[in-house]
Amino acid sequence: ALYGEGGEIFYPAGSMILKLYTSSDGKIVQEFFSEHFGHVTSIDIFRFDDHTGEAIASADSGKDAKICVWSTQNMRSSVSFKPFHQHGVSKLCFSPSGSLLLTIGKNDVLYSIGVYDWRKRTLAFTSRLIGTDLYDCSFLESDDSFSVCSDEVFFW
């Protein structure tokens, strides 16, 4: 689960992402982001410094997988695109500036890594690793370096 600035909880459930919060009159409220068709496999949140709010990046699995970046306020995509991973995205994360998305996913026999400029919907970097499962990914202290891990940690 992810936690928003206002105390909201965001979590995937099947092909949807739920937003759970307490309204000003004390009632528990649920809202749904339902633009995915496959099972949602990863979500990440980014808080913009310019007070424009928060965005969530989400990805799903399957041959028709997609990545969505959407507002936590209106629960609608501002950007969505098909990843280059053949079987969907298993993990994604925002860069420290929020301008890039790092993804890992599985192709037929290889795990692949992608870095996207999500606003432009462009793939900035790709790499593949043979013979190892990838479990997690993260940018380091800047948008210029990141790591992925399996039984080992790989740095770029």
C-alpha atoms as a PDB file:
ATOM      1  CA  ALA A   1       0.000   0.000   0.000  1.00  0.00           C
ATOM      2  CA  LEU A   2       0.991   3.621  -0.561  1.00  0.00           C
ATOM      3  CA  TYR A   3       0.051   6.568   1.617  1.00  0.00           C
ATOM      4  CA  GLY A   4      -0.937   9.991   0.255  1.00  0.00           C
ATOM      5  CA  GLU A   5      -0.180  13.358   1.833  1.00  0.00           C
ATOM      6  CA  GLY A   6      -3.729  13.652   3.149  1.00  0.00           C
ATOM      7  CA  GLY A   7      -3.700  10.240   4.833  1.00  0.00           C
ATOM      8  CA  GLU A   8      -5.247   8.375   1.901  1.00  0.00           C
ATOM      9  CA  ILE A   9      -4.332   4.737   1.373  1.00  0.00           C
ATOM     10  CA  PHE A  10      -3.822   3.443  -2.184  1.00  0.00           C
ATOM     11  CA  TYR A  11      -3.578  -0.275  -2.893  1.00  0.00           C
ATOM     12  CA  PRO A  12      -4.033  -2.610  -5.875  1.00  0.00           C
ATOM     13  CA  ALA A  13      -6.836  -5.164  -5.951  1.00  0.00           C
ATOM     14  CA  GLY A  14      -6.979  -7.211  -9.147  1.00  0.00           C
ATOM     15  CA  SER A  15      -7.135  -4.830 -12.103  1.00  0.00           C
ATOM     16  CA  MET A  16      -8.068  -1.793  -9.997  1.00  0.00           C
ATOM     17  CA  ILE A  17      -6.414   0.483  -7.483  1.00  0.00           C
ATOM     18  CA  LEU A  18      -8.437   1.561  -4.479  1.00  0.00           C
ATOM     19  CA  LYS A  19      -8.193   4.870  -2.679  1.00  0.00           C
ATOM     20  CA  LEU A  20      -9.420   4.695   0.892  1.00  0.00           C
ATOM     21  CA  TYR A  21      -9.813   7.763   3.100  1.00  0.00           C
ATOM     22  CA  THR A  22     -11.934   9.333   5.809  1.00  0.00           C
ATOM     23  CA  SER A  23     -14.178  12.193   4.648  1.00  0.00           C
ATOM     24  CA  SER A  24     -14.584  15.443   6.584  1.00  0.00           C
ATOM     25  CA  ASP A  25     -17.805  14.088   8.142  1.00  0.00           C
ATOM     26  CA  GLY A  26     -15.985  10.980   9.419  1.00  0.00           C
ATOM     27  CA  LYS A  27     -17.216   8.450   6.839  1.00  0.00           C
ATOM     28  CA  ILE A  28     -14.883   5.926   5.216  1.00  0.00           C
ATOM     29  CA  VAL A  29     -14.810   6.559   1.444  1.00  0.00           C
ATOM     30  CA  GLN A  30     -13.521   4.316  -1.361  1.00  0.00           C
ATOM     31  CA  GLU A  31     -12.676   5.498  -4.872  1.00  0.00           C
ATOM     32  CA  PHE A  32     -11.373   3.358  -7.730  1.00  0.00           C
ATOM     33  CA  PHE A  33      -8.827   3.760 -10.506  1.00  0.00           C
ATOM     34  CA  SER A  34     -10.029   1.294 -13.137  1.00  0.00           C
ATOM     35  CA  GLU A  35      -8.051   1.953 -16.342  1.00  0.00           C
ATOM     36  CA  HIS A  36      -6.079  -1.327 -16.223  1.00  0.00           C
ATOM     37  CA  PHE A  37      -7.256  -4.591 -17.780  1.00  0.00           C
ATOM     38  CA  GLY A  38      -4.637  -6.987 -16.382  1.00  0.00           C
ATOM     39  CA  HIS A  39      -3.716  -7.507 -12.745  1.00  0.00           C
ATOM     40  CA  VAL A  40      -1.971  -4.449 -11.325  1.00  0.00           C
ATOM     41  CA  THR A  41       1.535  -5.580 -10.472  1.00  0.00           C
ATOM     42  CA  SER A  42       3.211  -2.401  -9.220  1.00  0.00           C
ATOM     43  CA  ILE A  43       2.412   1.114  -8.022  1.00  0.00           C
ATOM     44  CA  ASP A  44       4.551   4.052  -6.905  1.00  0.00           C
ATOM     45  CA  ILE A  45       3.711   7.579  -5.723  1.00  0.00           C
ATOM     46  CA  PHE A  46       5.479  10.884  -6.361  1.00  0.00           C
ATOM     47  CA  ARG A  47       4.869  14.168  -4.515  1.00  0.00           C
ATOM     48  CA  PHE A  48       5.560  17.221  -6.680  1.00  0.00           C
ATOM     49  CA  ASP A  49       7.477  20.089  -5.017  1.00  0.00           C
ATOM     50  CA  ASP A  50       5.479  22.753  -6.859  1.00  0.00           C
ATOM     51  CA  HIS A  51       2.277  22.001  -4.910  1.00  0.00           C
ATOM     52  CA  THR A  52       0.559  20.399  -7.908  1.00  0.00           C
ATOM     53  CA  GLY A  53      -0.199  17.365  -5.785  1.00  0.00           C
ATOM     54  CA  GLU A  54       0.716  13.740  -6.128  1.00  0.00           C
ATOM     55  CA  ALA A  55       0.852  11.301  -9.015  1.00  0.00           C
ATOM     56  CA  ILE A  56       0.757   7.532  -8.989  1.00  0.00           C
ATOM     57  CA  ALA A  57       2.381   5.341 -11.607  1.00  0.00           C
ATOM     58  CA  SER A  58       0.797   1.927 -12.009  1.00  0.00           C
ATOM     59  CA  ALA A  59       1.450  -1.024 -14.278  1.00  0.00           C
ATOM     60  CA  ASP A  60      -0.190  -4.330 -15.043  1.00  0.00           C
ATOM     61  CA  SER A  61       0.646  -7.742 -16.473  1.00  0.00           C
ATOM     62  CA  GLY A  62      -0.226  -9.566 -19.659  1.00  0.00           C
ATOM     63  CA  LYS A  63       0.265  -9.140 -23.403  1.00  0.00           C
ATOM     64  CA  ASP A  64      -1.827  -5.938 -23.438  1.00  0.00           C
ATOM     65  CA  ALA A  65      -0.180  -4.400 -20.378  1.00  0.00           C
ATOM     66  CA  LYS A  66       0.082  -0.668 -19.912  1.00  0.00           C
ATOM     67  CA  ILE A  67       1.654   1.900 -17.641  1.00  0.00           C
ATOM     68  CA  CYS A  68      -0.543   4.713 -16.331  1.00  0.00           C
ATOM     69  CA  VAL A  69       0.471   7.880 -14.520  1.00  0.00           C
ATOM     70  CA  TRP A  70      -2.492   9.502 -12.824  1.00  0.00           C
ATOM     71  CA  SER A  71      -3.562  12.138 -10.349  1.00  0.00           C
ATOM     72  CA  THR A  72      -4.407  11.096  -6.816  1.00  0.00           C
ATOM     73  CA  GLN A  73      -6.984  13.908  -6.768  1.00  0.00           C
ATOM     74  CA  ASN A  74      -9.188  13.109  -9.796  1.00  0.00           C
ATOM     75  CA  MET A  75      -8.194   9.414 -10.191  1.00  0.00           C
ATOM     76  CA  ARG A  76      -7.752   9.750 -14.003  1.00  0.00           C
ATOM     77  CA  SER A  77      -4.739   9.090 -16.201  1.00  0.00           C
ATOM     78  CA  SER A  78      -2.740  12.008 -17.440  1.00  0.00           C
ATOM     79  CA  VAL A  79      -0.510   9.612 -19.404  1.00  0.00           C
ATOM     80  CA  SER A  80      -0.799   5.960 -20.400  1.00  0.00           C
ATOM     81  CA  PHE A  81       1.355   3.895 -22.743  1.00  0.00           C
ATOM     82  CA  LYS A  82       2.297   0.319 -23.601  1.00  0.00           C
ATOM     83  CA  PRO A  83       5.612  -0.831 -22.121  1.00  0.00           C
ATOM     84  CA  PHE A  84       8.173  -2.638 -24.242  1.00  0.00           C
ATOM     85  CA  HIS A  85       8.155  -5.591 -21.812  1.00  0.00           C
ATOM     86  CA  GLN A  86       6.368  -8.469 -23.584  1.00  0.00           C
ATOM     87  CA  HIS A  87       4.585  -9.832 -20.504  1.00  0.00           C
ATOM     88  CA  GLY A  88       3.953  -6.642 -18.573  1.00  0.00           C
ATOM     89  CA  VAL A  89       5.729  -4.825 -15.797  1.00  0.00           C
ATOM     90  CA  SER A  90       6.619  -6.512 -12.529  1.00  0.00           C
ATOM     91  CA  LYS A  91       7.984  -3.429 -10.738  1.00  0.00           C
ATOM     92  CA  LEU A  92       8.251   0.302 -11.374  1.00  0.00           C
ATOM     93  CA  CYS A  93       9.424   3.411  -9.542  1.00  0.00           C
ATOM     94  CA  PHE A  94       9.730   7.164 -10.054  1.00  0.00           C
ATOM     95  CA  SER A  95      13.114   8.885 -10.259  1.00  0.00           C
ATOM     96  CA  PRO A  96      14.036  11.419  -7.549  1.00  0.00           C
ATOM     97  CA  SER A  97      12.921  14.315  -9.814  1.00  0.00           C
ATOM     98  CA  GLY A  98       9.718  12.504 -10.803  1.00  0.00           C
ATOM     99  CA  SER A  99      10.452  12.893 -14.511  1.00  0.00           C
ATOM    100  CA  LEU A 100      11.505   9.281 -15.195  1.00  0.00           C
ATOM    101  CA  LEU A 101      10.043   5.847 -14.526  1.00  0.00           C
ATOM    102  CA  LEU A 102      12.242   2.800 -14.021  1.00  0.00           C
ATOM    103  CA  THR A 103      10.556  -0.518 -14.890  1.00  0.00           C
ATOM    104  CA  ILE A 104      11.452  -4.177 -14.833  1.00  0.00           C
ATOM    105  CA  GLY A 105       9.508  -6.827 -16.685  1.00  0.00           C
ATOM    106  CA  LYS A 106       9.782 -10.222 -18.284  1.00  0.00           C
ATOM    107  CA  ASN A 107      10.167 -11.013 -21.931  1.00  0.00           C
ATOM    108  CA  ASP A 108      10.108 -14.609 -23.167  1.00  0.00           C
ATOM    109  CA  VAL A 109      13.402 -15.729 -21.609  1.00  0.00           C
ATOM    110  CA  LEU A 110      14.961 -12.490 -20.438  1.00  0.00           C
ATOM    111  CA  TYR A 111      14.202  -9.935 -17.793  1.00  0.00           C
ATOM    112  CA  SER A 112      14.264  -6.430 -19.167  1.00  0.00           C
ATOM    113  CA  ILE A 113      14.829  -3.000 -17.709  1.00  0.00           C
ATOM    114  CA  GLY A 114      13.326   0.188 -19.086  1.00  0.00           C
ATOM    115  CA  VAL A 115      13.683   3.850 -18.201  1.00  0.00           C
ATOM    116  CA  TYR A 116      10.891   6.060 -19.545  1.00  0.00           C
ATOM    117  CA  ASP A 117      10.431   9.783 -19.841  1.00  0.00           C
ATOM    118  CA  TRP A 118       6.788   9.256 -18.926  1.00  0.00           C
ATOM    119  CA  ARG A 119       5.520  12.726 -19.891  1.00  0.00           C
ATOM    120  CA  LYS A 120       6.824  12.237 -23.450  1.00  0.00           C
ATOM    121  CA  ARG A 121       5.918   8.512 -23.452  1.00  0.00           C
ATOM    122  CA  THR A 122       9.421   7.719 -24.690  1.00  0.00           C
ATOM    123  CA  LEU A 123      11.820   4.952 -23.773  1.00  0.00           C
ATOM    124  CA  ALA A 124      15.155   6.529 -22.782  1.00  0.00           C
ATOM    125  CA  PHE A 125      17.105   3.371 -21.875  1.00  0.00           C
ATOM    126  CA  THR A 126      16.766  -0.412 -22.075  1.00  0.00           C
ATOM    127  CA  SER A 127      18.816  -3.359 -20.941  1.00  0.00           C
ATOM    128  CA  ARG A 128      18.281  -7.098 -20.613  1.00  0.00           C
ATOM    129  CA  LEU A 129      19.660  -9.649 -18.183  1.00  0.00           C
ATOM    130  CA  ILE A 130      19.885 -13.308 -19.151  1.00  0.00           C
ATOM    131  CA  GLY A 131      19.318 -16.114 -16.683  1.00  0.00           C
ATOM    132  CA  THR A 132      18.387 -14.153 -13.603  1.00  0.00           C
ATOM    133  CA  ASP A 133      15.068 -13.151 -12.062  1.00  0.00           C
ATOM    134  CA  LEU A 134      14.720  -9.474 -11.143  1.00  0.00           C
ATOM    135  CA  TYR A 135      12.813  -8.626  -7.983  1.00  0.00           C
ATOM    136  CA  ASP A 136      13.157  -4.918  -7.312  1.00  0.00           C
ATOM    137  CA  CYS A 137      14.426  -1.665  -8.779  1.00  0.00           C
ATOM    138  CA  SER A 138      15.206   1.806  -7.498  1.00  0.00           C
ATOM    139  CA  PHE A 139      16.838   5.026  -8.578  1.00  0.00           C
ATOM    140  CA  LEU A 140      19.759   6.041  -6.416  1.00  0.00           C
ATOM    141  CA  GLU A 141      20.279   9.664  -5.335  1.00  0.00           C
ATOM    142  CA  SER A 142      19.779  11.177  -8.802  1.00  0.00           C
ATOM    143  CA  ASP A 143      18.036  10.480 -12.099  1.00  0.00           C
ATOM    144  CA  ASP A 144      21.406   9.362 -13.529  1.00  0.00           C
ATOM    145  CA  SER A 145      21.860   6.096 -11.646  1.00  0.00           C
ATOM    146  CA  PHE A 146      19.732   3.179 -10.550  1.00  0.00           C
ATOM    147  CA  SER A 147      19.940  -0.386  -9.338  1.00  0.00           C
ATOM    148  CA  VAL A 148      18.019  -3.596  -9.860  1.00  0.00           C
ATOM    149  CA  CYS A 149      18.303  -6.667  -7.731  1.00  0.00           C
ATOM    150  CA  SER A 150      17.966 -10.404  -8.007  1.00  0.00           C
ATOM    151  CA  ASP A 151      20.298 -12.632  -6.013  1.00  0.00           C
ATOM    152  CA  GLU A 152      22.801  -9.871  -6.762  1.00  0.00           C
ATOM    153  CA  VAL A 153      22.516  -6.093  -7.086  1.00  0.00           C
ATOM    154  CA  PHE A 154      23.269  -4.501 -10.469  1.00  0.00           C
ATOM    155  CA  PHE A 155      24.064  -0.783 -10.845  1.00  0.00           C
ATOM    156  CA  TRP A 156      23.724   1.514 -13.868  1.00  0.00           C
END
